[in-house]
Amino acid sequence: MNSLLNVILTTDFAFSVLRVTTPILFAALGALISNRAGIINIGMEGIMLVSALAGVVVSSYTANAWIGLLGAVLSGTAIAGMLAFFTLKFKTHIILGGVAINMFASGGTVFLLYLLSGDKGSSTSLPSKVLPSIDIPLLQDIPVLGPILSGHHILTYVSILAVIAVYYLLKRTPLGLQIRSVGENPHAAQSVGVSVVKIQYSALLLSGFFASLGGAYMSMGYLSLFTRDMIAGRGWIAIAAESMGRSTTVGTALTSLLFGGAEALANALQVLKIPAELIGTLPYVATVVGLIVYAIAETRKKRRKLAQKTN
């Protein structure tokens, strides 16, 4: 027990929590926007995977990490646009469309990786670039807080700013109002002149944009290369985080941090004599437990409302 506390109660562990939360938070914010528009983006995993590969490939061919980030964002947003096109134009079932995106990304990224690098496992032969980390002046010199909050990858700070941006978007902008109105009552929104299809297109594109930032972080920050299926379920964890956060910006951010903490704990426990297979299941066990708790709370809430109506 003392060994576990010695691992957890450190600034390094707190730093790690923020580090591993970043891709989950980006994807969860994307899931939040699409869900508030009444259309669930199940393809988060695939979008993140495609953007992770695109970031590595584009940065290696242009020798510029920022252009690589742009390539990652454009590719992920394009995949989301493709999902929106087939779902909203041809009325493909959104769940099946998302699953198809995930399967396409899993196999397609390996195929493209082999074509470009001759390797089916990783992009070690590609001279890809990595986005920088930032030491924040003054903050880095503050005891305890400095080692926790300073020195992170630039996209980690962008993810924190993204929480504020998404909150403002949904609460203070006309587009956010339209997204919420379409998600709550599409017929009422359409009756006052709001184009439901156009708003859902926009929501899915924004969803893909944020998910692609998470994918870019995985291959240009968390790691410095692309590996096969490197997203490893983070897209699904992000969807769970958004659900547990009750489709609110603050709630989604906090539950993303919770799942990030579970993953950081799994990484930290590797120094102890615990089987690696057991440690690796910890983030997914936390996801399942969280969803169970959320489902129980929602069921009780509905029962109370039903009881109040009957009384």
C-alpha atoms as a PDB file:
ATOM      1  CA  MET A   1       0.000   0.000   0.000  1.00  0.00           C
ATOM      2  CA  ASN A   2       2.840   2.369   0.877  1.00  0.00           C
ATOM      3  CA  SER A   3       4.443   1.647  -2.487  1.00  0.00           C
ATOM      4  CA  LEU A   4       1.204   2.553  -4.250  1.00  0.00           C
ATOM      5  CA  LEU A   5       0.899   5.838  -2.325  1.00  0.00           C
ATOM      6  CA  ASN A   6       4.525   6.652  -3.090  1.00  0.00           C
ATOM      7  CA  VAL A   7       3.695   6.294  -6.783  1.00  0.00           C
ATOM      8  CA  ILE A   8       0.446   8.280  -6.739  1.00  0.00           C
ATOM      9  CA  LEU A   9       1.277  11.122  -4.348  1.00  0.00           C
ATOM     10  CA  THR A  10       3.887  12.711  -6.572  1.00  0.00           C
ATOM     11  CA  THR A  11       4.021  15.644  -8.957  1.00  0.00           C
ATOM     12  CA  ASP A  12       5.144  13.253 -11.692  1.00  0.00           C
ATOM     13  CA  PHE A  13       1.880  11.315 -11.385  1.00  0.00           C
ATOM     14  CA  ALA A  14      -0.230  14.492 -11.519  1.00  0.00           C
ATOM     15  CA  PHE A  15       1.756  15.611 -14.561  1.00  0.00           C
ATOM     16  CA  SER A  16       1.091  12.219 -16.165  1.00  0.00           C
ATOM     17  CA  VAL A  17      -2.660  12.515 -15.553  1.00  0.00           C
ATOM     18  CA  LEU A  18      -2.849  15.722 -17.590  1.00  0.00           C
ATOM     19  CA  ARG A  19      -0.635  14.191 -20.260  1.00  0.00           C
ATOM     20  CA  VAL A  20      -2.742  11.075 -20.837  1.00  0.00           C
ATOM     21  CA  THR A  21      -6.045  12.938 -20.477  1.00  0.00           C
ATOM     22  CA  THR A  22      -5.308  15.140 -23.505  1.00  0.00           C
ATOM     23  CA  PRO A  23      -6.426  12.803 -26.346  1.00  0.00           C
ATOM     24  CA  ILE A  24      -9.467  11.619 -24.386  1.00  0.00           C
ATOM     25  CA  LEU A  25     -10.511  15.196 -23.656  1.00  0.00           C
ATOM     26  CA  PHE A  26     -10.213  16.293 -27.271  1.00  0.00           C
ATOM     27  CA  ALA A  27     -12.315  13.368 -28.488  1.00  0.00           C
ATOM     28  CA  ALA A  28     -14.856  13.768 -25.683  1.00  0.00           C
ATOM     29  CA  LEU A  29     -15.399  17.422 -26.610  1.00  0.00           C
ATOM     30  CA  GLY A  30     -15.971  16.322 -30.196  1.00  0.00           C
ATOM     31  CA  ALA A  31     -18.466  13.713 -29.033  1.00  0.00           C
ATOM     32  CA  LEU A  32     -20.184  16.373 -26.915  1.00  0.00           C
ATOM     33  CA  ILE A  33     -20.755  18.715 -29.849  1.00  0.00           C
ATOM     34  CA  SER A  34     -22.175  16.032 -32.138  1.00  0.00           C
ATOM     35  CA  ASN A  35     -24.337  14.580 -29.377  1.00  0.00           C
ATOM     36  CA  ARG A  36     -25.794  17.983 -28.513  1.00  0.00           C
ATOM     37  CA  ALA A  37     -26.825  18.224 -32.175  1.00  0.00           C
ATOM     38  CA  GLY A  38     -28.693  14.936 -31.852  1.00  0.00           C
ATOM     39  CA  ILE A  39     -26.275  12.823 -33.865  1.00  0.00           C
ATOM     40  CA  ILE A  40     -23.861  10.410 -32.172  1.00  0.00           C
ATOM     41  CA  ASN A  41     -20.385  10.141 -33.672  1.00  0.00           C
ATOM     42  CA  ILE A  42     -19.355   6.512 -33.118  1.00  0.00           C
ATOM     43  CA  GLY A  43     -16.421   6.941 -35.504  1.00  0.00           C
ATOM     44  CA  MET A  44     -14.195   8.789 -33.018  1.00  0.00           C
ATOM     45  CA  GLU A  45     -11.715   5.920 -32.837  1.00  0.00           C
ATOM     46  CA  GLY A  46     -11.277   5.788 -36.607  1.00  0.00           C
ATOM     47  CA  ILE A  47     -11.014   9.556 -36.989  1.00  0.00           C
ATOM     48  CA  MET A  48      -8.291   9.716 -34.349  1.00  0.00           C
ATOM     49  CA  LEU A  49      -6.395   6.840 -35.964  1.00  0.00           C
ATOM     50  CA  VAL A  50      -6.456   8.383 -39.451  1.00  0.00           C
ATOM     51  CA  SER A  51      -5.353  11.783 -38.164  1.00  0.00           C
ATOM     52  CA  ALA A  52      -2.531  10.190 -36.147  1.00  0.00           C
ATOM     53  CA  LEU A  53      -1.134   8.594 -39.296  1.00  0.00           C
ATOM     54  CA  ALA A  54      -1.687  11.723 -41.396  1.00  0.00           C
ATOM     55  CA  GLY A  55       0.227  13.860 -38.915  1.00  0.00           C
ATOM     56  CA  VAL A  56       3.248  11.557 -39.092  1.00  0.00           C
ATOM     57  CA  VAL A  57       3.186  11.183 -42.867  1.00  0.00           C
ATOM     58  CA  VAL A  58       2.662  14.867 -43.700  1.00  0.00           C
ATOM     59  CA  SER A  59       5.255  16.062 -41.180  1.00  0.00           C
ATOM     60  CA  SER A  60       7.810  13.577 -42.499  1.00  0.00           C
ATOM     61  CA  TYR A  61       7.349  14.634 -46.138  1.00  0.00           C
ATOM     62  CA  THR A  62       7.250  18.375 -45.409  1.00  0.00           C
ATOM     63  CA  ALA A  63       9.799  18.308 -42.557  1.00  0.00           C
ATOM     64  CA  ASN A  64       7.447  20.607 -40.634  1.00  0.00           C
ATOM     65  CA  ALA A  65       5.490  19.585 -37.533  1.00  0.00           C
ATOM     66  CA  TRP A  66       2.925  22.372 -37.899  1.00  0.00           C
ATOM     67  CA  ILE A  67       2.083  21.388 -41.458  1.00  0.00           C
ATOM     68  CA  GLY A  68       1.832  17.829 -40.160  1.00  0.00           C
ATOM     69  CA  LEU A  69      -0.700  19.014 -37.570  1.00  0.00           C
ATOM     70  CA  LEU A  70      -2.654  20.756 -40.327  1.00  0.00           C
ATOM     71  CA  GLY A  71      -2.636  17.544 -42.362  1.00  0.00           C
ATOM     72  CA  ALA A  72      -3.878  15.589 -39.360  1.00  0.00           C
ATOM     73  CA  VAL A  73      -6.719  18.026 -38.707  1.00  0.00           C
ATOM     74  CA  LEU A  74      -7.786  18.147 -42.355  1.00  0.00           C
ATOM     75  CA  SER A  75      -7.746  14.356 -42.727  1.00  0.00           C
ATOM     76  CA  GLY A  76      -9.725  13.754 -39.543  1.00  0.00           C
ATOM     77  CA  THR A  77     -12.253  16.430 -40.433  1.00  0.00           C
ATOM     78  CA  ALA A  78     -12.571  14.936 -43.936  1.00  0.00           C
ATOM     79  CA  ILE A  79     -13.369  11.513 -42.447  1.00  0.00           C
ATOM     80  CA  ALA A  80     -16.033  13.142 -40.262  1.00  0.00           C
ATOM     81  CA  GLY A  81     -17.361  14.896 -43.350  1.00  0.00           C
ATOM     82  CA  MET A  82     -17.572  11.578 -45.162  1.00  0.00           C
ATOM     83  CA  LEU A  83     -19.526  10.126 -42.240  1.00  0.00           C
ATOM     84  CA  ALA A  84     -21.843  13.148 -42.289  1.00  0.00           C
ATOM     85  CA  PHE A  85     -22.347  12.863 -46.062  1.00  0.00           C
ATOM     86  CA  PHE A  86     -23.382   9.222 -46.005  1.00  0.00           C
ATOM     87  CA  THR A  87     -25.454   9.620 -42.840  1.00  0.00           C
ATOM     88  CA  LEU A  88     -27.297  12.830 -43.659  1.00  0.00           C
ATOM     89  CA  LYS A  89     -27.390  12.618 -47.458  1.00  0.00           C
ATOM     90  CA  PHE A  90     -27.978   8.899 -48.032  1.00  0.00           C
ATOM     91  CA  LYS A  91     -29.576   8.215 -44.621  1.00  0.00           C
ATOM     92  CA  THR A  92     -27.046   5.563 -43.627  1.00  0.00           C
ATOM     93  CA  HIS A  93     -27.549   4.447 -40.028  1.00  0.00           C
ATOM     94  CA  ILE A  94     -25.211   6.590 -37.917  1.00  0.00           C
ATOM     95  CA  ILE A  95     -24.093   3.656 -35.741  1.00  0.00           C
ATOM     96  CA  LEU A  96     -23.293   1.449 -38.726  1.00  0.00           C
ATOM     97  CA  GLY A  97     -21.563   4.351 -40.451  1.00  0.00           C
ATOM     98  CA  GLY A  98     -19.389   4.986 -37.409  1.00  0.00           C
ATOM     99  CA  VAL A  99     -18.483   1.315 -37.065  1.00  0.00           C
ATOM    100  CA  ALA A 100     -17.583   1.240 -40.762  1.00  0.00           C
ATOM    101  CA  ILE A 101     -15.303   4.269 -40.275  1.00  0.00           C
ATOM    102  CA  ASN A 102     -13.539   2.539 -37.383  1.00  0.00           C
ATOM    103  CA  MET A 103     -13.018  -0.687 -39.342  1.00  0.00           C
ATOM    104  CA  PHE A 104     -11.873   1.201 -42.426  1.00  0.00           C
ATOM    105  CA  ALA A 105      -9.374   3.207 -40.365  1.00  0.00           C
ATOM    106  CA  SER A 106      -7.979   0.151 -38.587  1.00  0.00           C
ATOM    107  CA  GLY A 107      -7.194  -1.684 -41.821  1.00  0.00           C
ATOM    108  CA  GLY A 108      -6.615   1.324 -44.058  1.00  0.00           C
ATOM    109  CA  THR A 109      -3.963   2.921 -41.864  1.00  0.00           C
ATOM    110  CA  VAL A 110      -1.963  -0.326 -41.791  1.00  0.00           C
ATOM    111  CA  PHE A 111      -2.210  -0.583 -45.584  1.00  0.00           C
ATOM    112  CA  LEU A 112      -1.070   3.021 -46.110  1.00  0.00           C
ATOM    113  CA  LEU A 113       1.675   2.635 -43.532  1.00  0.00           C
ATOM    114  CA  TYR A 114       3.016  -0.392 -45.385  1.00  0.00           C
ATOM    115  CA  LEU A 115       2.902   1.432 -48.723  1.00  0.00           C
ATOM    116  CA  LEU A 116       4.767   4.447 -47.369  1.00  0.00           C
ATOM    117  CA  SER A 117       7.251   2.840 -44.989  1.00  0.00           C
ATOM    118  CA  GLY A 118       7.344  -0.868 -45.829  1.00  0.00           C
ATOM    119  CA  ASP A 119       6.406  -1.633 -42.209  1.00  0.00           C
ATOM    120  CA  LYS A 120       3.016  -2.855 -40.980  1.00  0.00           C
ATOM    121  CA  GLY A 121       3.690  -2.113 -37.319  1.00  0.00           C
ATOM    122  CA  SER A 122       5.169   1.357 -36.895  1.00  0.00           C
ATOM    123  CA  SER A 123       6.441   4.414 -38.768  1.00  0.00           C
ATOM    124  CA  THR A 124      10.002   4.309 -37.419  1.00  0.00           C
ATOM    125  CA  SER A 125      11.430   4.587 -40.944  1.00  0.00           C
ATOM    126  CA  LEU A 126       9.603   7.888 -41.563  1.00  0.00           C
ATOM    127  CA  PRO A 127      11.447  11.014 -40.311  1.00  0.00           C
ATOM    128  CA  SER A 128       8.342  12.524 -38.742  1.00  0.00           C
ATOM    129  CA  LYS A 129       8.396  15.634 -36.581  1.00  0.00           C
ATOM    130  CA  VAL A 130       7.048  16.263 -33.090  1.00  0.00           C
ATOM    131  CA  LEU A 131       5.243  19.343 -31.817  1.00  0.00           C
ATOM    132  CA  PRO A 132       6.988  21.161 -28.962  1.00  0.00           C
ATOM    133  CA  SER A 133       6.411  21.197 -25.225  1.00  0.00           C
ATOM    134  CA  ILE A 134       6.190  24.537 -23.424  1.00  0.00           C
ATOM    135  CA  ASP A 135       7.681  25.728 -20.142  1.00  0.00           C
ATOM    136  CA  ILE A 136       5.456  28.491 -18.792  1.00  0.00           C
ATOM    137  CA  PRO A 137       7.449  31.415 -17.350  1.00  0.00           C
ATOM    138  CA  LEU A 138       6.929  32.120 -13.640  1.00  0.00           C
ATOM    139  CA  LEU A 139       4.575  29.153 -13.258  1.00  0.00           C
ATOM    140  CA  GLN A 140       7.407  26.673 -13.728  1.00  0.00           C
ATOM    141  CA  ASP A 141       9.172  28.139 -10.676  1.00  0.00           C
ATOM    142  CA  ILE A 142       6.219  27.676  -8.303  1.00  0.00           C
ATOM    143  CA  PRO A 143       6.722  24.672  -5.981  1.00  0.00           C
ATOM    144  CA  VAL A 144       4.355  21.713  -6.612  1.00  0.00           C
ATOM    145  CA  LEU A 145       2.205  23.554  -9.188  1.00  0.00           C
ATOM    146  CA  GLY A 146       5.144  24.265 -11.478  1.00  0.00           C
ATOM    147  CA  PRO A 147       6.176  20.618 -12.051  1.00  0.00           C
ATOM    148  CA  ILE A 148       2.511  19.666 -12.549  1.00  0.00           C
ATOM    149  CA  LEU A 149       1.284  22.413 -14.879  1.00  0.00           C
ATOM    150  CA  SER A 150       4.412  23.527 -16.747  1.00  0.00           C
ATOM    151  CA  GLY A 151       6.364  21.660 -19.414  1.00  0.00           C
ATOM    152  CA  HIS A 152       3.413  19.992 -21.128  1.00  0.00           C
ATOM    153  CA  HIS A 153       2.996  19.392 -24.824  1.00  0.00           C
ATOM    154  CA  ILE A 154       1.454  22.371 -26.603  1.00  0.00           C
ATOM    155  CA  LEU A 155      -1.680  20.374 -27.492  1.00  0.00           C
ATOM    156  CA  THR A 156      -2.282  19.677 -23.802  1.00  0.00           C
ATOM    157  CA  TYR A 157      -2.671  23.411 -23.247  1.00  0.00           C
ATOM    158  CA  VAL A 158      -4.804  23.636 -26.382  1.00  0.00           C
ATOM    159  CA  SER A 159      -7.108  20.950 -24.951  1.00  0.00           C
ATOM    160  CA  ILE A 160      -7.625  23.025 -21.797  1.00  0.00           C
ATOM    161  CA  LEU A 161      -8.421  26.090 -23.888  1.00  0.00           C
ATOM    162  CA  ALA A 162     -10.723  23.917 -25.999  1.00  0.00           C
ATOM    163  CA  VAL A 163     -12.901  23.249 -22.946  1.00  0.00           C
ATOM    164  CA  ILE A 164     -13.440  27.000 -22.563  1.00  0.00           C
ATOM    165  CA  ALA A 165     -14.006  27.408 -26.310  1.00  0.00           C
ATOM    166  CA  VAL A 166     -16.606  24.635 -26.486  1.00  0.00           C
ATOM    167  CA  TYR A 167     -18.400  25.973 -23.409  1.00  0.00           C
ATOM    168  CA  TYR A 168     -18.564  29.418 -25.008  1.00  0.00           C
ATOM    169  CA  LEU A 169     -19.619  27.946 -28.362  1.00  0.00           C
ATOM    170  CA  LEU A 170     -22.557  26.028 -26.913  1.00  0.00           C
ATOM    171  CA  LYS A 171     -23.692  28.687 -24.443  1.00  0.00           C
ATOM    172  CA  ARG A 172     -22.943  32.041 -26.050  1.00  0.00           C
ATOM    173  CA  THR A 173     -22.996  31.756 -29.851  1.00  0.00           C
ATOM    174  CA  PRO A 174     -25.851  31.509 -32.382  1.00  0.00           C
ATOM    175  CA  LEU A 175     -24.334  28.282 -33.758  1.00  0.00           C
ATOM    176  CA  GLY A 176     -24.272  26.780 -30.270  1.00  0.00           C
ATOM    177  CA  LEU A 177     -27.902  27.742 -29.722  1.00  0.00           C
ATOM    178  CA  GLN A 178     -28.850  26.114 -33.010  1.00  0.00           C
ATOM    179  CA  ILE A 179     -26.862  22.976 -32.174  1.00  0.00           C
ATOM    180  CA  ARG A 180     -28.661  22.642 -28.842  1.00  0.00           C
ATOM    181  CA  SER A 181     -32.088  23.379 -30.321  1.00  0.00           C
ATOM    182  CA  VAL A 182     -31.618  20.803 -33.088  1.00  0.00           C
ATOM    183  CA  GLY A 183     -30.524  18.195 -30.558  1.00  0.00           C
ATOM    184  CA  GLU A 184     -33.414  18.862 -28.201  1.00  0.00           C
ATOM    185  CA  ASN A 185     -36.225  19.260 -30.737  1.00  0.00           C
ATOM    186  CA  PRO A 186     -35.317  19.160 -34.435  1.00  0.00           C
ATOM    187  CA  HIS A 187     -38.907  19.726 -35.598  1.00  0.00           C
ATOM    188  CA  ALA A 188     -39.262  22.873 -33.518  1.00  0.00           C
ATOM    189  CA  ALA A 189     -35.888  24.133 -34.746  1.00  0.00           C
ATOM    190  CA  GLN A 190     -36.869  23.516 -38.350  1.00  0.00           C
ATOM    191  CA  SER A 191     -40.187  25.309 -37.857  1.00  0.00           C
ATOM    192  CA  VAL A 192     -38.319  28.549 -37.054  1.00  0.00           C
ATOM    193  CA  GLY A 193     -36.068  28.322 -40.105  1.00  0.00           C
ATOM    194  CA  VAL A 194     -33.077  26.365 -38.760  1.00  0.00           C
ATOM    195  CA  SER A 195     -31.633  23.856 -41.238  1.00  0.00           C
ATOM    196  CA  VAL A 196     -31.333  20.661 -39.204  1.00  0.00           C
ATOM    197  CA  VAL A 197     -29.144  18.928 -41.778  1.00  0.00           C
ATOM    198  CA  LYS A 198     -26.789  21.904 -42.061  1.00  0.00           C
ATOM    199  CA  ILE A 199     -26.369  22.152 -38.289  1.00  0.00           C
ATOM    200  CA  GLN A 200     -25.741  18.431 -37.954  1.00  0.00           C
ATOM    201  CA  TYR A 201     -23.182  18.627 -40.764  1.00  0.00           C
ATOM    202  CA  SER A 202     -21.432  21.422 -38.864  1.00  0.00           C
ATOM    203  CA  ALA A 203     -21.566  19.483 -35.590  1.00  0.00           C
ATOM    204  CA  LEU A 204     -20.036  16.368 -37.134  1.00  0.00           C
ATOM    205  CA  LEU A 205     -17.282  18.409 -38.788  1.00  0.00           C
ATOM    206  CA  LEU A 206     -16.481  20.094 -35.480  1.00  0.00           C
ATOM    207  CA  SER A 207     -16.546  16.680 -33.836  1.00  0.00           C
ATOM    208  CA  GLY A 208     -14.015  15.409 -36.356  1.00  0.00           C
ATOM    209  CA  PHE A 209     -11.869  18.514 -35.869  1.00  0.00           C
ATOM    210  CA  PHE A 210     -11.499  17.959 -32.133  1.00  0.00           C
ATOM    211  CA  ALA A 211     -11.022  14.201 -32.492  1.00  0.00           C
ATOM    212  CA  SER A 212      -8.279  14.775 -35.065  1.00  0.00           C
ATOM    213  CA  LEU A 213      -6.422  17.012 -32.597  1.00  0.00           C
ATOM    214  CA  GLY A 214      -6.479  14.090 -30.180  1.00  0.00           C
ATOM    215  CA  GLY A 215      -5.175  11.758 -32.874  1.00  0.00           C
ATOM    216  CA  ALA A 216      -2.409  14.185 -33.825  1.00  0.00           C
ATOM    217  CA  TYR A 217      -1.362  14.409 -30.183  1.00  0.00           C
ATOM    218  CA  MET A 218      -1.026  10.630 -29.992  1.00  0.00           C
ATOM    219  CA  SER A 219       1.568  10.443 -32.787  1.00  0.00           C
ATOM    220  CA  MET A 220       3.176  13.886 -32.446  1.00  0.00           C
ATOM    221  CA  GLY A 221       3.258  14.322 -28.682  1.00  0.00           C
ATOM    222  CA  TYR A 222       2.344  11.301 -26.601  1.00  0.00           C
ATOM    223  CA  LEU A 223       4.584   9.270 -28.904  1.00  0.00           C
ATOM    224  CA  SER A 224       6.877  10.469 -31.673  1.00  0.00           C
ATOM    225  CA  LEU A 225       5.676   7.942 -34.248  1.00  0.00           C
ATOM    226  CA  PHE A 226       2.627   6.066 -35.497  1.00  0.00           C
ATOM    227  CA  THR A 227       1.964   2.490 -34.415  1.00  0.00           C
ATOM    228  CA  ARG A 228      -0.746   0.090 -35.505  1.00  0.00           C
ATOM    229  CA  ASP A 229      -4.088   0.740 -33.728  1.00  0.00           C
ATOM    230  CA  MET A 230      -2.313   3.159 -31.388  1.00  0.00           C
ATOM    231  CA  ILE A 231      -5.551   4.869 -30.292  1.00  0.00           C
ATOM    232  CA  ALA A 232      -6.281   1.696 -28.289  1.00  0.00           C
ATOM    233  CA  GLY A 233      -9.895   2.412 -27.385  1.00  0.00           C
ATOM    234  CA  ARG A 234      -9.476   6.072 -26.413  1.00  0.00           C
ATOM    235  CA  GLY A 235     -12.212   7.060 -28.851  1.00  0.00           C
ATOM    236  CA  TRP A 236     -14.662   4.757 -27.091  1.00  0.00           C
ATOM    237  CA  ILE A 237     -13.496   5.971 -23.675  1.00  0.00           C
ATOM    238  CA  ALA A 238     -14.135   9.542 -24.850  1.00  0.00           C
ATOM    239  CA  ILE A 239     -17.705   8.652 -25.827  1.00  0.00           C
ATOM    240  CA  ALA A 240     -18.194   7.117 -22.381  1.00  0.00           C
ATOM    241  CA  ALA A 241     -16.727  10.242 -20.763  1.00  0.00           C
ATOM    242  CA  GLU A 242     -19.178  12.445 -22.655  1.00  0.00           C
ATOM    243  CA  SER A 243     -22.107  10.241 -21.578  1.00  0.00           C
ATOM    244  CA  MET A 244     -21.018  10.235 -17.940  1.00  0.00           C
ATOM    245  CA  GLY A 245     -20.555  13.992 -18.125  1.00  0.00           C
ATOM    246  CA  ARG A 246     -24.278  14.285 -18.898  1.00  0.00           C
ATOM    247  CA  SER A 247     -23.550  16.073 -22.181  1.00  0.00           C
ATOM    248  CA  THR A 248     -22.208  19.149 -20.391  1.00  0.00           C
ATOM    249  CA  THR A 249     -18.854  20.765 -21.100  1.00  0.00           C
ATOM    250  CA  VAL A 250     -17.654  20.851 -17.498  1.00  0.00           C
ATOM    251  CA  GLY A 251     -18.940  17.349 -16.770  1.00  0.00           C
ATOM    252  CA  THR A 252     -17.283  15.977 -19.896  1.00  0.00           C
ATOM    253  CA  ALA A 253     -13.961  17.587 -18.944  1.00  0.00           C
ATOM    254  CA  LEU A 254     -14.102  16.172 -15.407  1.00  0.00           C
ATOM    255  CA  THR A 255     -14.978  12.640 -16.493  1.00  0.00           C
ATOM    256  CA  SER A 256     -12.234  12.781 -19.127  1.00  0.00           C
ATOM    257  CA  LEU A 257      -9.840  13.695 -16.330  1.00  0.00           C
ATOM    258  CA  LEU A 258     -11.171  10.746 -14.323  1.00  0.00           C
ATOM    259  CA  PHE A 259     -10.466   8.290 -17.131  1.00  0.00           C
ATOM    260  CA  GLY A 260      -7.116   9.940 -17.747  1.00  0.00           C
ATOM    261  CA  GLY A 261      -6.309   9.355 -14.083  1.00  0.00           C
ATOM    262  CA  ALA A 262      -7.181   5.666 -14.453  1.00  0.00           C
ATOM    263  CA  GLU A 263      -4.846   5.340 -17.429  1.00  0.00           C
ATOM    264  CA  ALA A 264      -2.083   7.242 -15.638  1.00  0.00           C
ATOM    265  CA  LEU A 265      -2.515   4.912 -12.664  1.00  0.00           C
ATOM    266  CA  ALA A 266      -2.188   1.915 -14.961  1.00  0.00           C
ATOM    267  CA  ASN A 267       1.050   3.347 -16.324  1.00  0.00           C
ATOM    268  CA  ALA A 268       2.353   4.126 -12.838  1.00  0.00           C
ATOM    269  CA  LEU A 269       1.579   0.659 -11.511  1.00  0.00           C
ATOM    270  CA  GLN A 270       3.964  -0.877 -14.023  1.00  0.00           C
ATOM    271  CA  VAL A 271       6.816  -0.126 -11.614  1.00  0.00           C
ATOM    272  CA  LEU A 272       5.206  -2.438  -9.050  1.00  0.00           C
ATOM    273  CA  LYS A 273       5.168  -6.228  -9.250  1.00  0.00           C
ATOM    274  CA  ILE A 274       1.706  -6.475 -10.773  1.00  0.00           C
ATOM    275  CA  PRO A 275       1.016  -8.487 -13.948  1.00  0.00           C
ATOM    276  CA  ALA A 276       1.110  -6.201 -16.984  1.00  0.00           C
ATOM    277  CA  GLU A 277      -2.031  -7.823 -18.420  1.00  0.00           C
ATOM    278  CA  LEU A 278      -3.999  -6.890 -15.295  1.00  0.00           C
ATOM    279  CA  ILE A 279      -2.678  -3.326 -15.280  1.00  0.00           C
ATOM    280  CA  GLY A 280      -3.584  -2.857 -18.932  1.00  0.00           C
ATOM    281  CA  THR A 281      -7.258  -3.539 -18.223  1.00  0.00           C
ATOM    282  CA  LEU A 282      -7.548  -0.769 -15.619  1.00  0.00           C
ATOM    283  CA  PRO A 283      -8.658   2.087 -17.943  1.00  0.00           C
ATOM    284  CA  TYR A 284     -11.290  -0.125 -19.564  1.00  0.00           C
ATOM    285  CA  VAL A 285     -12.526  -1.455 -16.216  1.00  0.00           C
ATOM    286  CA  ALA A 286     -12.845   2.151 -15.047  1.00  0.00           C
ATOM    287  CA  THR A 287     -14.879   2.922 -18.179  1.00  0.00           C
ATOM    288  CA  VAL A 288     -17.268   0.017 -17.585  1.00  0.00           C
ATOM    289  CA  VAL A 289     -17.670   0.857 -13.884  1.00  0.00           C
ATOM    290  CA  GLY A 290     -18.275   4.499 -14.732  1.00  0.00           C
ATOM    291  CA  LEU A 291     -20.963   3.635 -17.277  1.00  0.00           C
ATOM    292  CA  ILE A 292     -22.652   1.291 -14.788  1.00  0.00           C
ATOM    293  CA  VAL A 293     -22.732   4.023 -12.146  1.00  0.00           C
ATOM    294  CA  TYR A 294     -24.053   6.487 -14.725  1.00  0.00           C
ATOM    295  CA  ALA A 295     -26.769   4.054 -15.879  1.00  0.00           C
ATOM    296  CA  ILE A 296     -27.873   3.409 -12.298  1.00  0.00           C
ATOM    297  CA  ALA A 297     -28.044   7.141 -11.559  1.00  0.00           C
ATOM    298  CA  GLU A 298     -30.043   7.818 -14.731  1.00  0.00           C
ATOM    299  CA  THR A 299     -32.461   4.969 -13.946  1.00  0.00           C
ATOM    300  CA  ARG A 300     -33.072   6.292 -10.447  1.00  0.00           C
ATOM    301  CA  LYS A 301     -33.589   9.784 -11.820  1.00  0.00           C
ATOM    302  CA  LYS A 302     -36.200   8.557 -14.303  1.00  0.00           C
ATOM    303  CA  ARG A 303     -37.982   6.568 -11.589  1.00  0.00           C
ATOM    304  CA  ARG A 304     -38.174   9.629  -9.350  1.00  0.00           C
ATOM    305  CA  LYS A 305     -39.628  11.705 -12.197  1.00  0.00           C
ATOM    306  CA  LEU A 306     -42.156   8.962 -12.959  1.00  0.00           C
ATOM    307  CA  ALA A 307     -43.107   8.723  -9.297  1.00  0.00           C
ATOM    308  CA  GLN A 308     -43.631  12.496  -9.111  1.00  0.00           C
ATOM    309  CA  LYS A 309     -45.895  12.419 -12.165  1.00  0.00           C
ATOM    310  CA  THR A 310     -48.010   9.573 -10.785  1.00  0.00           C
ATOM    311  CA  ASN A 311     -48.364  11.334  -7.452  1.00  0.00           C
END
